[in-house]
Amino acid sequence: QVQLVESGGGLVQAGGSLRLSCTASGGTFSDYHIGWFRRAPGGERDFVAAITWSGVNTYYGDSVKGRFTLSRDNAGRSVYLHMNDLKPEDTAVYYCGASGSHGSQYYTGRYRVRDQYNYWGQGTQVTVSS
């Protein structure tokens, strides 16, 4: 079983950058795909980005494509979400989740489904001021 902790959130002006970290303890980190989701006030937990266990495949939601980038350090048991050109609409609590399922469906779209992920962190707040 893996435990996840997100960090790196904060307050930033529009156009600025942040790097979020998702660090794991327990389990074998390289066994898990990692997804990032976010929940804006009053909203649902929506897909942001995902990275496969090897780091070879990355996927992004339409609203962040071209601005956010994922990277992964399996030895360091961490995944990083690099967020550039932040906008006020990026304001949300950001969560990382771990999926231990390596079925082919993950690569064809399940990466964006919340219940694909078995384990979640507690979230980190990102606030972008205009």
Foldseek 3Di string as FASTA:
>chain_A
DKAWAKDWADEEAAQAKIKIKIAIDDDQLLLWKKWKWWADVPGDTFGAKIAHSVRPDIDGDPVQPPFWDWGDDSVRRMIMIIGGRDDQVVWTWMKMFIANDPDPVCVVPCSGPVVNGDYMHPTDTHGYHD
